């Protein structure tokens, strides 16, 4: 049998055993399946505290079998699943998207919901959960009973739209240029583009590059993108003693792709618009 423990800041620890399923998210109670009374104890809904309003009411299903633990991702926001195990390199990191499933390794698994936690100042940070998987011969006694949501609680409201960049704006095109290596699949050894390369890519896609021929204007746009992608608490430009600017640029580009400030579809649409403009010239 397996014993699974889910922990998080401000979250009651949930413990599951083989044959049990935990639904978690902003307000997952409505997603509990209609089953016979003797099976109801096998399902538990666990609301996550301080979720951002754009986090899905049902984020994931943690299904514990006899020999394996499966995480089914149901959220509209992305998450990163990482774990340590006995393998070359010693680590695994998987980006979870809607309808994706992943088997959890024995030991500690770290689940990070990107921009999933609402901060005291109204901005958004990452929501981190730890999922420990261990073999056990003892009954777990079921997961912790979460406190019922108060009537009219904001967690039961419809899912809001995640904060982002307005498509077609200067910052949106700069984010597309920064994230292009990850969006195009050329991220084995990605190199963040220089200010000049950002300007040329924006001009290629849009035909008009605002004032990005001036390097300072590119830097200003990257700072604005970092604030949206990371939030003020984790913004690499606001950290004291941060690394070189080139490393920060790398982080902003990867993060813009991870939190879907720009997407593969956006890149395809930009390339198609550029090709159409060239044909009509």
C-alpha atoms as a PDB file:
ATOM      1  CA  UNK A   1       0.000   0.000   0.000  1.00  0.00           C
ATOM      2  CA  UNK A   2       0.952   3.613  -0.467  1.00  0.00           C
ATOM      3  CA  UNK A   3       0.761   6.595   1.824  1.00  0.00           C
ATOM      4  CA  UNK A   4       0.562  10.052   0.256  1.00  0.00           C
ATOM      5  CA  UNK A   5       0.868  13.323   2.172  1.00  0.00           C
ATOM      6  CA  UNK A   6       0.016  16.704   0.660  1.00  0.00           C
ATOM      7  CA  UNK A   7       1.367  19.805   2.415  1.00  0.00           C
ATOM      8  CA  UNK A   8       1.363  23.525   1.719  1.00  0.00           C
ATOM      9  CA  UNK A   9       1.604  26.894   3.446  1.00  0.00           C
ATOM     10  CA  UNK A  10      -1.622  27.578   5.350  1.00  0.00           C
ATOM     11  CA  UNK A  11      -3.059  24.258   4.177  1.00  0.00           C
ATOM     12  CA  UNK A  12      -4.269  21.457   6.477  1.00  0.00           C
ATOM     13  CA  UNK A  13      -2.085  18.410   5.835  1.00  0.00           C
ATOM     14  CA  UNK A  14      -3.959  15.777   3.844  1.00  0.00           C
ATOM     15  CA  UNK A  15      -3.020  12.092   4.125  1.00  0.00           C
ATOM     16  CA  UNK A  16      -4.313   9.500   1.672  1.00  0.00           C
ATOM     17  CA  UNK A  17      -3.972   5.765   1.265  1.00  0.00           C
ATOM     18  CA  UNK A  18      -4.386   3.357  -1.619  1.00  0.00           C
ATOM     19  CA  UNK A  19      -7.838   3.537  -3.188  1.00  0.00           C
ATOM     20  CA  UNK A  20      -8.442   7.198  -2.253  1.00  0.00           C
ATOM     21  CA  UNK A  21      -8.727  10.292  -4.431  1.00  0.00           C
ATOM     22  CA  UNK A  22      -8.155  13.918  -3.479  1.00  0.00           C
ATOM     23  CA  UNK A  23      -9.618  16.769  -5.540  1.00  0.00           C
ATOM     24  CA  UNK A  24      -7.941  20.135  -4.969  1.00  0.00           C
ATOM     25  CA  UNK A  25      -8.256  23.628  -6.349  1.00  0.00           C
ATOM     26  CA  UNK A  26      -9.841  27.000  -5.645  1.00  0.00           C
ATOM     27  CA  UNK A  27     -13.248  25.448  -4.902  1.00  0.00           C
ATOM     28  CA  UNK A  28     -13.256  21.740  -5.838  1.00  0.00           C
ATOM     29  CA  UNK A  29     -16.315  20.608  -3.870  1.00  0.00           C
ATOM     30  CA  UNK A  30     -18.638  20.830  -6.870  1.00  0.00           C
ATOM     31  CA  UNK A  31     -16.419  18.373  -8.760  1.00  0.00           C
ATOM     32  CA  UNK A  32     -16.947  15.536  -6.258  1.00  0.00           C
ATOM     33  CA  UNK A  33     -18.440  12.579  -8.164  1.00  0.00           C
ATOM     34  CA  UNK A  34     -21.867  11.202  -7.355  1.00  0.00           C
ATOM     35  CA  UNK A  35     -21.115   7.779  -5.899  1.00  0.00           C
ATOM     36  CA  UNK A  36     -22.766   5.405  -3.485  1.00  0.00           C
ATOM     37  CA  UNK A  37     -22.539   6.224   0.207  1.00  0.00           C
ATOM     38  CA  UNK A  38     -19.881   3.616   0.987  1.00  0.00           C
ATOM     39  CA  UNK A  39     -17.627   5.085  -1.709  1.00  0.00           C
ATOM     40  CA  UNK A  40     -17.975   8.701  -0.643  1.00  0.00           C
ATOM     41  CA  UNK A  41     -15.265   8.386   1.986  1.00  0.00           C
ATOM     42  CA  UNK A  42     -12.830   7.541  -0.806  1.00  0.00           C
ATOM     43  CA  UNK A  43     -13.160  11.062  -2.260  1.00  0.00           C
ATOM     44  CA  UNK A  44     -12.180  14.309  -0.576  1.00  0.00           C
ATOM     45  CA  UNK A  45     -12.256  17.891  -1.838  1.00  0.00           C
ATOM     46  CA  UNK A  46      -9.553  20.214  -0.490  1.00  0.00           C
ATOM     47  CA  UNK A  47      -9.834  23.975  -1.194  1.00  0.00           C
ATOM     48  CA  UNK A  48      -6.423  25.624  -1.440  1.00  0.00           C
ATOM     49  CA  UNK A  49      -6.094  28.815   0.610  1.00  0.00           C
ATOM     50  CA  UNK A  50      -5.483  32.222  -0.952  1.00  0.00           C
ATOM     51  CA  UNK A  51      -5.852  31.046  -4.530  1.00  0.00           C
ATOM     52  CA  UNK A  52      -5.797  33.748  -7.187  1.00  0.00           C
ATOM     53  CA  UNK A  53      -9.219  34.314  -8.823  1.00  0.00           C
ATOM     54  CA  UNK A  54      -7.929  33.034 -12.171  1.00  0.00           C
ATOM     55  CA  UNK A  55      -7.057  29.627 -10.672  1.00  0.00           C
ATOM     56  CA  UNK A  56      -9.497  26.902 -11.700  1.00  0.00           C
ATOM     57  CA  UNK A  57     -12.009  25.689  -9.160  1.00  0.00           C
ATOM     58  CA  UNK A  58     -10.707  22.168  -9.828  1.00  0.00           C
ATOM     59  CA  UNK A  59      -6.951  22.143 -10.361  1.00  0.00           C
ATOM     60  CA  UNK A  60      -6.074  18.494 -10.018  1.00  0.00           C
ATOM     61  CA  UNK A  61      -7.030  14.985  -8.999  1.00  0.00           C
ATOM     62  CA  UNK A  62      -4.587  13.000  -6.898  1.00  0.00           C
ATOM     63  CA  UNK A  63      -5.429   9.309  -7.376  1.00  0.00           C
ATOM     64  CA  UNK A  64      -3.678   6.797  -5.099  1.00  0.00           C
ATOM     65  CA  UNK A  65      -3.534   3.207  -6.361  1.00  0.00           C
ATOM     66  CA  UNK A  66      -2.023   0.110  -4.844  1.00  0.00           C
ATOM     67  CA  UNK A  67       1.358   0.601  -6.509  1.00  0.00           C
ATOM     68  CA  UNK A  68       1.298   4.054  -8.123  1.00  0.00           C
ATOM     69  CA  UNK A  69       0.099   7.615  -7.598  1.00  0.00           C
ATOM     70  CA  UNK A  70      -1.334   9.527 -10.547  1.00  0.00           C
ATOM     71  CA  UNK A  71      -1.844  13.293 -10.763  1.00  0.00           C
ATOM     72  CA  UNK A  72      -4.439  14.370 -13.312  1.00  0.00           C
ATOM     73  CA  UNK A  73      -4.237  18.080 -14.085  1.00  0.00           C
ATOM     74  CA  UNK A  74      -7.562  19.831 -14.685  1.00  0.00           C
ATOM     75  CA  UNK A  75      -6.524  23.452 -14.339  1.00  0.00           C
ATOM     76  CA  UNK A  76      -6.515  26.165 -16.945  1.00  0.00           C
ATOM     77  CA  UNK A  77      -3.272  27.519 -15.463  1.00  0.00           C
ATOM     78  CA  UNK A  78       0.025  25.696 -15.864  1.00  0.00           C
ATOM     79  CA  UNK A  79       2.022  24.072 -13.100  1.00  0.00           C
ATOM     80  CA  UNK A  80       5.483  22.582 -12.756  1.00  0.00           C
ATOM     81  CA  UNK A  81       5.935  19.155 -11.212  1.00  0.00           C
ATOM     82  CA  UNK A  82       9.419  18.297 -10.015  1.00  0.00           C
ATOM     83  CA  UNK A  83      10.845  15.380  -8.098  1.00  0.00           C
ATOM     84  CA  UNK A  84      14.142  13.851  -7.048  1.00  0.00           C
ATOM     85  CA  UNK A  85      14.903  10.241  -7.843  1.00  0.00           C
ATOM     86  CA  UNK A  86      17.774   7.863  -8.479  1.00  0.00           C
ATOM     87  CA  UNK A  87      18.609   8.685 -12.089  1.00  0.00           C
ATOM     88  CA  UNK A  88      21.339  10.444 -14.104  1.00  0.00           C
ATOM     89  CA  UNK A  89      20.949  14.128 -13.396  1.00  0.00           C
ATOM     90  CA  UNK A  90      18.944  13.306 -10.282  1.00  0.00           C
ATOM     91  CA  UNK A  91      15.889  15.420 -11.040  1.00  0.00           C
ATOM     92  CA  UNK A  92      12.791  15.664 -13.209  1.00  0.00           C
ATOM     93  CA  UNK A  93      10.631  18.656 -14.048  1.00  0.00           C
ATOM     94  CA  UNK A  94       7.421  18.449 -16.040  1.00  0.00           C
ATOM     95  CA  UNK A  95       5.111  21.287 -17.065  1.00  0.00           C
ATOM     96  CA  UNK A  96       1.480  20.290 -16.533  1.00  0.00           C
ATOM     97  CA  UNK A  97      -1.300  21.550 -18.785  1.00  0.00           C
ATOM     98  CA  UNK A  98      -5.026  20.818 -18.848  1.00  0.00           C
ATOM     99  CA  UNK A  99      -5.946  17.110 -19.249  1.00  0.00           C
ATOM    100  CA  UNK A 100      -2.353  15.930 -18.693  1.00  0.00           C
ATOM    101  CA  UNK A 101      -1.541  13.066 -16.294  1.00  0.00           C
ATOM    102  CA  UNK A 102       1.732  12.285 -14.540  1.00  0.00           C
ATOM    103  CA  UNK A 103       2.882   9.465 -12.285  1.00  0.00           C
ATOM    104  CA  UNK A 104       4.521  10.657  -9.078  1.00  0.00           C
ATOM    105  CA  UNK A 105       7.867   9.316  -7.926  1.00  0.00           C
ATOM    106  CA  UNK A 106       8.433   7.884  -4.483  1.00  0.00           C
ATOM    107  CA  UNK A 107       9.675  10.541  -2.086  1.00  0.00           C
ATOM    108  CA  UNK A 108       8.941  14.263  -2.260  1.00  0.00           C
ATOM    109  CA  UNK A 109       7.285  15.741  -5.323  1.00  0.00           C
ATOM    110  CA  UNK A 110       7.039  19.517  -5.624  1.00  0.00           C
ATOM    111  CA  UNK A 111       4.056  21.060  -7.418  1.00  0.00           C
ATOM    112  CA  UNK A 112       4.254  24.767  -8.281  1.00  0.00           C
ATOM    113  CA  UNK A 113       1.111  26.458  -9.624  1.00  0.00           C
ATOM    114  CA  UNK A 114       2.456  29.377 -11.635  1.00  0.00           C
ATOM    115  CA  UNK A 115       1.041  32.724 -10.431  1.00  0.00           C
ATOM    116  CA  UNK A 116      -1.552  30.760  -8.467  1.00  0.00           C
ATOM    117  CA  UNK A 117      -1.352  32.508  -5.081  1.00  0.00           C
ATOM    118  CA  UNK A 118      -2.812  35.916  -4.267  1.00  0.00           C
ATOM    119  CA  UNK A 119      -0.459  38.101  -2.229  1.00  0.00           C
ATOM    120  CA  UNK A 120      -1.412  40.607   0.460  1.00  0.00           C
ATOM    121  CA  UNK A 121      -0.816  43.504  -1.943  1.00  0.00           C
ATOM    122  CA  UNK A 122      -3.171  42.043  -4.558  1.00  0.00           C
ATOM    123  CA  UNK A 123      -0.405  40.781  -6.847  1.00  0.00           C
ATOM    124  CA  UNK A 124       0.165  37.127  -7.708  1.00  0.00           C
ATOM    125  CA  UNK A 125       2.917  34.717  -6.769  1.00  0.00           C
ATOM    126  CA  UNK A 126       3.499  31.000  -7.241  1.00  0.00           C
ATOM    127  CA  UNK A 127       1.559  28.504  -5.117  1.00  0.00           C
ATOM    128  CA  UNK A 128       3.756  25.624  -3.918  1.00  0.00           C
ATOM    129  CA  UNK A 129       2.559  22.222  -2.725  1.00  0.00           C
ATOM    130  CA  UNK A 130       4.628  19.265  -1.534  1.00  0.00           C
ATOM    131  CA  UNK A 131       3.367  15.734  -2.238  1.00  0.00           C
ATOM    132  CA  UNK A 132       5.206  12.948  -0.383  1.00  0.00           C
ATOM    133  CA  UNK A 133       4.789   9.365  -1.625  1.00  0.00           C
ATOM    134  CA  UNK A 134       5.850   6.458   0.586  1.00  0.00           C
ATOM    135  CA  UNK A 135       5.108   2.763   0.983  1.00  0.00           C
ATOM    136  CA  UNK A 136       3.067   1.914   4.076  1.00  0.00           C
ATOM    137  CA  UNK A 137       1.457  -1.135   5.633  1.00  0.00           C
ATOM    138  CA  UNK A 138      -0.822   0.969   7.808  1.00  0.00           C
ATOM    139  CA  UNK A 139      -4.195   2.460   7.071  1.00  0.00           C
ATOM    140  CA  UNK A 140      -4.044   6.230   6.713  1.00  0.00           C
ATOM    141  CA  UNK A 141      -7.484   6.850   8.131  1.00  0.00           C
ATOM    142  CA  UNK A 142      -8.329   9.102   5.188  1.00  0.00           C
ATOM    143  CA  UNK A 143      -7.321  12.639   4.284  1.00  0.00           C
ATOM    144  CA  UNK A 144      -7.716  15.606   6.558  1.00  0.00           C
ATOM    145  CA  UNK A 145     -11.211  17.054   6.569  1.00  0.00           C
ATOM    146  CA  UNK A 146     -11.057  20.550   5.036  1.00  0.00           C
ATOM    147  CA  UNK A 147     -13.064  23.354   6.558  1.00  0.00           C
ATOM    148  CA  UNK A 148     -16.294  24.031   4.638  1.00  0.00           C
ATOM    149  CA  UNK A 149     -16.305  27.130   2.460  1.00  0.00           C
ATOM    150  CA  UNK A 150     -18.337  30.008   3.806  1.00  0.00           C
ATOM    151  CA  UNK A 151     -21.488  30.988   1.953  1.00  0.00           C
ATOM    152  CA  UNK A 152     -20.759  33.565  -0.694  1.00  0.00           C
ATOM    153  CA  UNK A 153     -17.027  32.934  -0.474  1.00  0.00           C
ATOM    154  CA  UNK A 154     -15.042  34.286  -3.416  1.00  0.00           C
ATOM    155  CA  UNK A 155     -13.508  30.852  -3.970  1.00  0.00           C
ATOM    156  CA  UNK A 156     -16.853  29.650  -5.329  1.00  0.00           C
ATOM    157  CA  UNK A 157     -17.034  32.432  -7.926  1.00  0.00           C
ATOM    158  CA  UNK A 158     -16.427  31.797 -11.640  1.00  0.00           C
ATOM    159  CA  UNK A 159     -12.806  31.566 -12.691  1.00  0.00           C
ATOM    160  CA  UNK A 160     -11.372  34.932 -13.708  1.00  0.00           C
ATOM    161  CA  UNK A 161      -9.015  35.609 -16.586  1.00  0.00           C
ATOM    162  CA  UNK A 162      -5.349  35.382 -15.674  1.00  0.00           C
ATOM    163  CA  UNK A 163      -3.419  38.673 -15.817  1.00  0.00           C
ATOM    164  CA  UNK A 164      -1.422  39.022 -18.990  1.00  0.00           C
ATOM    165  CA  UNK A 165      -0.293  41.302 -21.802  1.00  0.00           C
ATOM    166  CA  UNK A 166      -2.647  42.833 -24.330  1.00  0.00           C
ATOM    167  CA  UNK A 167      -2.035  41.104 -27.692  1.00  0.00           C
ATOM    168  CA  UNK A 168      -0.480  43.308 -30.327  1.00  0.00           C
ATOM    169  CA  UNK A 169       1.112  45.768 -27.915  1.00  0.00           C
ATOM    170  CA  UNK A 170       4.802  46.616 -27.798  1.00  0.00           C
ATOM    171  CA  UNK A 171       5.377  44.585 -24.625  1.00  0.00           C
ATOM    172  CA  UNK A 172       3.466  41.610 -26.084  1.00  0.00           C
ATOM    173  CA  UNK A 173       5.720  41.502 -29.146  1.00  0.00           C
ATOM    174  CA  UNK A 174       8.853  41.854 -27.010  1.00  0.00           C
ATOM    175  CA  UNK A 175       7.652  38.955 -24.829  1.00  0.00           C
ATOM    176  CA  UNK A 176       7.120  36.927 -28.007  1.00  0.00           C
ATOM    177  CA  UNK A 177      10.697  37.604 -29.071  1.00  0.00           C
ATOM    178  CA  UNK A 178      12.092  36.685 -25.638  1.00  0.00           C
ATOM    179  CA  UNK A 179      10.025  33.475 -25.397  1.00  0.00           C
ATOM    180  CA  UNK A 180      10.537  32.365 -29.004  1.00  0.00           C
ATOM    181  CA  UNK A 181      13.210  29.725 -28.211  1.00  0.00           C
ATOM    182  CA  UNK A 182      10.818  27.957 -25.832  1.00  0.00           C
ATOM    183  CA  UNK A 183       7.769  28.371 -28.061  1.00  0.00           C
ATOM    184  CA  UNK A 184       9.559  27.098 -31.168  1.00  0.00           C
ATOM    185  CA  UNK A 185      11.110  24.084 -29.429  1.00  0.00           C
ATOM    186  CA  UNK A 186      14.656  25.387 -29.916  1.00  0.00           C
ATOM    187  CA  UNK A 187      15.329  25.487 -26.177  1.00  0.00           C
ATOM    188  CA  UNK A 188      18.091  22.882 -25.795  1.00  0.00           C
ATOM    189  CA  UNK A 189      20.601  25.707 -25.379  1.00  0.00           C
ATOM    190  CA  UNK A 190      18.443  28.824 -25.567  1.00  0.00           C
ATOM    191  CA  UNK A 191      20.142  32.190 -25.788  1.00  0.00           C
ATOM    192  CA  UNK A 192      18.032  35.232 -24.991  1.00  0.00           C
ATOM    193  CA  UNK A 193      17.958  37.664 -27.928  1.00  0.00           C
ATOM    194  CA  UNK A 194      19.916  40.896 -27.782  1.00  0.00           C
ATOM    195  CA  UNK A 195      18.146  44.253 -27.873  1.00  0.00           C
ATOM    196  CA  UNK A 196      18.909  44.523 -31.572  1.00  0.00           C
ATOM    197  CA  UNK A 197      17.522  41.045 -32.243  1.00  0.00           C
ATOM    198  CA  UNK A 198      14.353  41.855 -30.292  1.00  0.00           C
ATOM    199  CA  UNK A 199      13.877  44.963 -32.405  1.00  0.00           C
ATOM    200  CA  UNK A 200      14.394  43.020 -35.652  1.00  0.00           C
ATOM    201  CA  UNK A 201      11.977  40.253 -34.668  1.00  0.00           C
ATOM    202  CA  UNK A 202       9.261  42.733 -33.704  1.00  0.00           C
ATOM    203  CA  UNK A 203       9.753  44.640 -36.957  1.00  0.00           C
ATOM    204  CA  UNK A 204       9.572  41.348 -38.915  1.00  0.00           C
ATOM    205  CA  UNK A 205       6.323  40.278 -37.263  1.00  0.00           C
ATOM    206  CA  UNK A 206       4.549  43.616 -36.951  1.00  0.00           C
ATOM    207  CA  UNK A 207       6.120  45.780 -39.624  1.00  0.00           C
ATOM    208  CA  UNK A 208       6.349  48.570 -37.078  1.00  0.00           C
ATOM    209  CA  UNK A 209       8.607  48.396 -34.031  1.00  0.00           C
ATOM    210  CA  UNK A 210       7.598  51.496 -32.074  1.00  0.00           C
ATOM    211  CA  UNK A 211      10.811  52.941 -30.561  1.00  0.00           C
ATOM    212  CA  UNK A 212      12.578  49.608 -30.006  1.00  0.00           C
ATOM    213  CA  UNK A 213      15.552  50.619 -32.142  1.00  0.00           C
ATOM    214  CA  UNK A 214      16.613  52.365 -28.925  1.00  0.00           C
ATOM    215  CA  UNK A 215      18.080  49.724 -26.541  1.00  0.00           C
ATOM    216  CA  UNK A 216      16.705  51.486 -23.461  1.00  0.00           C
ATOM    217  CA  UNK A 217      13.153  51.077 -24.755  1.00  0.00           C
ATOM    218  CA  UNK A 218      13.712  47.310 -25.110  1.00  0.00           C
ATOM    219  CA  UNK A 219      15.003  47.182 -21.528  1.00  0.00           C
ATOM    220  CA  UNK A 220      11.934  49.110 -20.344  1.00  0.00           C
ATOM    221  CA  UNK A 221       9.620  46.624 -22.079  1.00  0.00           C
ATOM    222  CA  UNK A 222      11.451  43.643 -20.552  1.00  0.00           C
ATOM    223  CA  UNK A 223      11.081  45.158 -17.083  1.00  0.00           C
ATOM    224  CA  UNK A 224       7.342  45.588 -17.643  1.00  0.00           C
ATOM    225  CA  UNK A 225       7.041  41.977 -18.830  1.00  0.00           C
ATOM    226  CA  UNK A 226       8.954  40.715 -15.772  1.00  0.00           C
ATOM    227  CA  UNK A 227       6.540  42.522 -13.455  1.00  0.00           C
ATOM    228  CA  UNK A 228       3.559  40.763 -15.059  1.00  0.00           C
ATOM    229  CA  UNK A 229       5.241  37.361 -15.368  1.00  0.00           C
ATOM    230  CA  UNK A 230       6.706  37.126 -11.864  1.00  0.00           C
ATOM    231  CA  UNK A 231       4.762  39.627  -9.756  1.00  0.00           C
ATOM    232  CA  UNK A 232       6.508  42.249  -7.603  1.00  0.00           C
ATOM    233  CA  UNK A 233       7.689  39.794  -4.957  1.00  0.00           C
ATOM    234  CA  UNK A 234       9.659  37.566  -7.357  1.00  0.00           C
ATOM    235  CA  UNK A 235      10.493  40.132 -10.024  1.00  0.00           C
ATOM    236  CA  UNK A 236      14.198  39.464 -10.817  1.00  0.00           C
ATOM    237  CA  UNK A 237      14.770  43.155 -11.563  1.00  0.00           C
ATOM    238  CA  UNK A 238      13.748  44.049  -8.003  1.00  0.00           C
ATOM    239  CA  UNK A 239      15.907  41.505  -6.226  1.00  0.00           C
ATOM    240  CA  UNK A 240      18.966  42.812  -4.437  1.00  0.00           C
ATOM    241  CA  UNK A 241      22.241  41.269  -5.508  1.00  0.00           C
ATOM    242  CA  UNK A 242      20.699  39.628  -8.604  1.00  0.00           C
ATOM    243  CA  UNK A 243      22.807  38.085 -11.346  1.00  0.00           C
ATOM    244  CA  UNK A 244      23.852  39.485 -14.684  1.00  0.00           C
ATOM    245  CA  UNK A 245      21.192  41.142 -16.827  1.00  0.00           C
ATOM    246  CA  UNK A 246      21.644  38.448 -19.477  1.00  0.00           C
ATOM    247  CA  UNK A 247      20.598  35.785 -16.937  1.00  0.00           C
ATOM    248  CA  UNK A 248      17.574  37.849 -15.927  1.00  0.00           C
ATOM    249  CA  UNK A 249      16.581  38.150 -19.580  1.00  0.00           C
ATOM    250  CA  UNK A 250      16.813  34.376 -19.919  1.00  0.00           C
ATOM    251  CA  UNK A 251      14.552  33.948 -16.884  1.00  0.00           C
ATOM    252  CA  UNK A 252      11.989  36.445 -18.200  1.00  0.00           C
ATOM    253  CA  UNK A 253      11.813  34.725 -21.576  1.00  0.00           C
ATOM    254  CA  UNK A 254      11.322  31.286 -20.086  1.00  0.00           C
ATOM    255  CA  UNK A 255       8.782  32.542 -17.567  1.00  0.00           C
ATOM    256  CA  UNK A 256       6.778  34.353 -20.275  1.00  0.00           C
ATOM    257  CA  UNK A 257       6.403  31.026 -22.067  1.00  0.00           C
ATOM    258  CA  UNK A 258       5.668  29.052 -18.890  1.00  0.00           C
ATOM    259  CA  UNK A 259       2.830  31.293 -17.705  1.00  0.00           C
ATOM    260  CA  UNK A 260       1.504  31.715 -21.264  1.00  0.00           C
ATOM    261  CA  UNK A 261       1.915  35.444 -21.578  1.00  0.00           C
ATOM    262  CA  UNK A 262       2.577  34.415 -25.173  1.00  0.00           C
ATOM    263  CA  UNK A 263       1.877  31.014 -26.727  1.00  0.00           C
ATOM    264  CA  UNK A 264       2.795  28.802 -29.647  1.00  0.00           C
ATOM    265  CA  UNK A 265      -0.413  29.915 -31.377  1.00  0.00           C
ATOM    266  CA  UNK A 266       0.650  33.551 -30.928  1.00  0.00           C
ATOM    267  CA  UNK A 267       3.999  32.806 -32.569  1.00  0.00           C
ATOM    268  CA  UNK A 268       2.323  31.021 -35.482  1.00  0.00           C
ATOM    269  CA  UNK A 269      -0.111  33.909 -35.972  1.00  0.00           C
ATOM    270  CA  UNK A 270       2.737  36.447 -35.958  1.00  0.00           C
ATOM    271  CA  UNK A 271       4.697  34.469 -38.536  1.00  0.00           C
ATOM    272  CA  UNK A 272       1.613  34.115 -40.749  1.00  0.00           C
ATOM    273  CA  UNK A 273       0.930  37.858 -40.538  1.00  0.00           C
ATOM    274  CA  UNK A 274       4.528  38.593 -41.527  1.00  0.00           C
ATOM    275  CA  UNK A 275       4.327  36.180 -44.475  1.00  0.00           C
ATOM    276  CA  UNK A 276       1.029  37.712 -45.648  1.00  0.00           C
ATOM    277  CA  UNK A 277       2.523  41.197 -45.482  1.00  0.00           C
ATOM    278  CA  UNK A 278       5.544  40.076 -47.515  1.00  0.00           C
ATOM    279  CA  UNK A 279       3.294  38.571 -50.203  1.00  0.00           C
ATOM    280  CA  UNK A 280       1.274  41.751 -50.511  1.00  0.00           C
ATOM    281  CA  UNK A 281       4.339  44.013 -50.670  1.00  0.00           C
END
